[in-house]
């Protein structure tokens, strides 16, 4: 705060404001509707890598993921073979969990199948919310859901198609990140900005 009459910007209660990169992610990306498949694939891969860890842990490794996963070009990732997977597992820049790395390659192949079936992955996934973000009424940290009816349905369908690391909690986090749900708290300055933008 530069002067006494300036009010501090109010942000979501889950955010650690002491981490500039986390604040930047919250302010510029989280909850903004994603309508391109490459970003959608990036978030899906990162959310899957997050399973059992904090999102901030993954966020700090994001540039390494971009470097090692062909900038999330789904066609390239789908072609990664066993040798490439072994190579990735030697790099400390990412989360070196064999199942998670293999699942990224597996999910890339299935992602392409969905693109062929629906014209784009975004067409497929956004249909679950009728192509319009769900806006939730959140006042405190206790109000935040971990899953929803939609994330349950979406998770079930993705699992049926063979996707890995796509439990309902992971999918709900994905929906939040990609703006399918606007889960900014009611007093967060970004909530209305995002609503106005779409």
Protein backbone atom coordinates (compact mmCIF):
# COMPACT_ATOMS: atom_id res chain seq x y z
CA UNK A 1 0.00 0.00 0.00
CA UNK A 2 1.56 3.24 -1.12
CA UNK A 3 -0.75 5.64 0.68
CA UNK A 4 -3.11 5.53 3.63
CA UNK A 5 -6.27 6.00 1.56
CA UNK A 6 -5.54 3.07 -0.78
CA UNK A 7 -7.48 -0.05 0.00
CA UNK A 8 -5.58 -3.33 -0.35
CA UNK A 9 -6.82 -5.49 -3.24
CA UNK A 10 -9.02 -8.29 -1.98
CA UNK A 11 -8.22 -11.75 -3.36
CA UNK A 12 -9.43 -15.31 -2.78
CA UNK A 13 -8.89 -16.69 0.76
CA UNK A 14 -6.90 -19.73 -0.46
CA UNK A 15 -4.18 -17.61 -2.02
CA UNK A 16 -0.80 -17.15 -0.35
CA UNK A 17 -0.22 -13.48 -1.12
CA UNK A 18 3.45 -13.72 -0.10
CA UNK A 19 4.24 -15.66 -3.30
CA UNK A 20 4.35 -13.28 -6.29
CA UNK A 21 4.17 -16.07 -8.89
CA UNK A 22 1.11 -17.54 -7.15
CA UNK A 23 -0.55 -14.11 -7.04
CA UNK A 24 0.21 -13.61 -10.74
CA UNK A 25 -1.38 -16.97 -11.57
CA UNK A 26 -4.48 -16.10 -9.51
CA UNK A 27 -4.79 -12.63 -11.05
CA UNK A 28 -4.21 -13.55 -14.69
CA UNK A 29 -5.19 -17.17 -15.26
CA UNK A 30 -7.18 -18.90 -12.55
CA UNK A 31 -10.86 -18.99 -13.42
CA UNK A 32 -10.48 -17.36 -16.84
CA UNK A 33 -12.46 -19.42 -19.40
CA UNK A 34 -10.05 -21.47 -21.54
CA UNK A 35 -11.25 -22.07 -25.07
CA UNK A 36 -8.16 -23.50 -26.76
CA UNK A 37 -7.18 -27.15 -26.66
CA UNK A 38 -3.45 -26.66 -26.06
CA UNK A 39 -4.03 -24.74 -22.83
CA UNK A 40 -6.73 -27.23 -21.85
CA UNK A 41 -4.27 -30.10 -22.32
CA UNK A 42 -1.60 -28.21 -20.36
CA UNK A 43 -3.91 -27.71 -17.39
CA UNK A 44 -5.18 -31.29 -17.52
CA UNK A 45 -1.59 -32.61 -17.50
CA UNK A 46 -0.54 -30.30 -14.66
CA UNK A 47 -3.66 -31.06 -12.58
CA UNK A 48 -2.96 -34.80 -12.97
CA UNK A 49 0.64 -34.25 -11.88
CA UNK A 50 -0.65 -32.39 -8.85
CA UNK A 51 -2.56 -35.39 -7.42
CA UNK A 52 -1.62 -35.62 -3.73
CA UNK A 53 0.51 -32.46 -3.85
CA UNK A 54 -0.14 -28.73 -3.65
CA UNK A 55 -0.91 -26.80 -6.82
CA UNK A 56 1.90 -24.39 -5.97
CA UNK A 57 4.41 -27.27 -6.14
CA UNK A 58 3.32 -27.92 -9.74
CA UNK A 59 3.09 -24.25 -10.65
CA UNK A 60 6.77 -23.77 -9.76
CA UNK A 61 7.68 -26.60 -12.15
CA UNK A 62 5.41 -25.42 -14.96
CA UNK A 63 8.18 -24.04 -17.19
CA UNK A 64 10.05 -27.35 -16.88
CA UNK A 65 6.90 -29.20 -17.91
CA UNK A 66 6.56 -26.93 -20.93
CA UNK A 67 10.18 -27.59 -21.87
CA UNK A 68 9.96 -31.36 -21.45
CA UNK A 69 6.44 -31.92 -22.74
CA UNK A 70 6.89 -30.20 -26.13
CA UNK A 71 5.13 -27.07 -24.85
CA UNK A 72 2.05 -29.29 -24.38
CA UNK A 73 1.69 -30.05 -28.06
CA UNK A 74 -0.68 -32.98 -27.65
CA UNK A 75 0.32 -34.63 -30.97
CA UNK A 76 3.97 -34.71 -29.90
CA UNK A 77 3.29 -35.90 -26.34
CA UNK A 78 1.11 -38.73 -27.69
CA UNK A 79 4.19 -40.03 -29.58
CA UNK A 80 6.46 -40.21 -26.51
CA UNK A 81 7.81 -43.77 -26.26
CA UNK A 82 9.28 -45.72 -23.33
CA UNK A 83 12.76 -44.27 -23.92
CA UNK A 84 11.38 -40.74 -23.81
CA UNK A 85 9.49 -41.54 -20.59
CA UNK A 86 12.73 -42.83 -19.00
CA UNK A 87 14.49 -39.65 -20.10
CA UNK A 88 11.76 -37.50 -18.52
CA UNK A 89 12.00 -39.41 -15.25
CA UNK A 90 15.67 -38.40 -14.95
CA UNK A 91 14.78 -34.70 -14.95
CA UNK A 92 14.32 -33.22 -11.48
CA UNK A 93 12.49 -30.27 -13.02
CA UNK A 94 9.22 -32.20 -12.99
CA UNK A 95 7.44 -34.51 -10.55
CA UNK A 96 9.22 -37.78 -11.18
CA UNK A 97 6.38 -40.16 -10.66
CA UNK A 98 6.40 -42.89 -13.29
CA UNK A 99 2.63 -43.42 -13.21
CA UNK A 100 1.96 -39.69 -13.64
CA UNK A 101 4.42 -39.30 -16.52
CA UNK A 102 3.02 -42.37 -18.28
CA UNK A 103 -0.51 -41.12 -17.71
CA UNK A 104 0.34 -37.82 -19.45
CA UNK A 105 1.27 -39.77 -22.60
CA UNK A 106 -1.76 -42.04 -22.29
CA UNK A 107 -4.06 -39.06 -21.77
CA UNK A 108 -2.57 -37.25 -24.78
CA UNK A 109 -3.58 -40.15 -27.06
CA UNK A 110 -7.11 -40.17 -25.65
CA UNK A 111 -7.30 -36.36 -25.82
CA UNK A 112 -6.71 -36.64 -29.61
CA UNK A 113 -9.50 -39.21 -29.88
CA UNK A 114 -11.89 -36.78 -28.20
CA UNK A 115 -10.75 -34.01 -30.56
CA UNK A 116 -11.61 -36.24 -33.52
CA UNK A 117 -14.97 -37.18 -32.06
CA UNK A 118 -16.11 -33.68 -31.01
CA UNK A 119 -14.12 -31.36 -33.29
CA UNK A 120 -12.12 -30.12 -30.30
CA UNK A 121 -11.55 -31.10 -26.69
CA UNK A 122 -13.05 -27.76 -25.65
CA UNK A 123 -16.30 -28.64 -27.43
CA UNK A 124 -16.42 -31.86 -25.44
CA UNK A 125 -15.60 -30.48 -22.01
CA UNK A 126 -17.53 -27.20 -22.15
CA UNK A 127 -20.72 -29.07 -23.07
CA UNK A 128 -20.75 -30.30 -19.45
CA UNK A 129 -21.56 -26.76 -18.30
CA UNK A 130 -23.68 -25.84 -21.35
CA UNK A 131 -20.81 -23.69 -22.62
CA UNK A 132 -21.28 -21.19 -19.81
CA UNK A 133 -19.22 -20.87 -16.62
CA UNK A 134 -20.96 -21.85 -13.38
CA UNK A 135 -20.63 -19.00 -10.88
CA UNK A 136 -20.49 -20.17 -7.27
CA UNK A 137 -21.43 -18.19 -4.19
CA UNK A 138 -18.31 -18.33 -2.00
CA UNK A 139 -17.63 -16.16 1.03
CA UNK A 140 -15.02 -18.07 3.02
CA UNK A 141 -12.56 -20.94 2.65
CA UNK A 142 -15.15 -23.32 4.13
CA UNK A 143 -17.51 -22.61 1.20
CA UNK A 144 -15.13 -24.04 -1.41
CA UNK A 145 -16.28 -27.41 -2.76
CA UNK A 146 -13.75 -30.14 -3.61
CA UNK A 147 -16.01 -31.78 -6.19
CA UNK A 148 -19.38 -31.19 -7.84
CA UNK A 149 -22.04 -33.15 -9.70
CA UNK A 150 -20.49 -32.02 -12.98
CA UNK A 151 -16.94 -33.02 -11.96
CA UNK A 152 -18.30 -36.43 -10.89
CA UNK A 153 -19.91 -36.94 -14.33
CA UNK A 154 -16.92 -35.65 -16.27
CA UNK A 155 -14.46 -37.71 -14.22
CA UNK A 156 -16.57 -40.83 -14.78
CA UNK A 157 -16.68 -40.28 -18.54
CA UNK A 158 -12.94 -39.58 -18.81
CA UNK A 159 -12.16 -42.72 -16.79
CA UNK A 160 -14.46 -44.74 -19.03
CA UNK A 161 -12.49 -43.45 -22.01
CA UNK A 162 -9.26 -44.64 -20.33
CA UNK A 163 -7.85 -41.40 -18.89
CA UNK A 164 -5.71 -41.73 -15.76
CA UNK A 165 -5.40 -39.38 -12.74
CA UNK A 166 -8.76 -37.80 -13.45
CA UNK A 167 -10.65 -38.33 -10.19
CA UNK A 168 -13.48 -35.94 -9.41
CA UNK A 169 -11.29 -33.72 -7.16
CA UNK A 170 -8.65 -33.33 -9.89
CA UNK A 171 -11.34 -32.61 -12.48
CA UNK A 172 -13.00 -30.05 -10.23
CA UNK A 173 -9.64 -28.27 -9.79
CA UNK A 174 -9.29 -28.40 -13.59
CA UNK A 175 -12.74 -26.84 -14.03
CA UNK A 176 -11.79 -24.05 -11.59
CA UNK A 177 -8.48 -23.36 -13.33
CA UNK A 178 -10.04 -23.34 -16.82
CA UNK A 179 -12.93 -21.09 -15.84
CA UNK A 180 -15.67 -23.69 -16.29
CA UNK A 181 -16.57 -22.67 -12.76
CA UNK A 182 -15.88 -19.20 -11.41
CA UNK A 183 -14.80 -19.99 -7.86
CA UNK A 184 -13.33 -16.61 -7.03
CA UNK A 185 -14.75 -15.58 -3.66
CA UNK A 186 -17.50 -12.96 -3.65
CA UNK A 187 -15.14 -10.30 -2.31
CA UNK A 188 -12.28 -11.14 -4.71
CA UNK A 189 -11.70 -8.36 -7.23
CA UNK A 190 -11.29 -10.88 -10.08
CA UNK A 191 -14.75 -12.43 -9.75
CA UNK A 192 -16.73 -9.63 -11.41
CA UNK A 193 -13.92 -8.80 -13.84
CA UNK A 194 -14.09 -12.33 -15.28
CA UNK A 195 -17.90 -12.29 -15.37
CA UNK A 196 -17.87 -8.96 -17.23
CA UNK A 197 -15.26 -10.25 -19.68
CA UNK A 198 -17.51 -13.06 -20.87
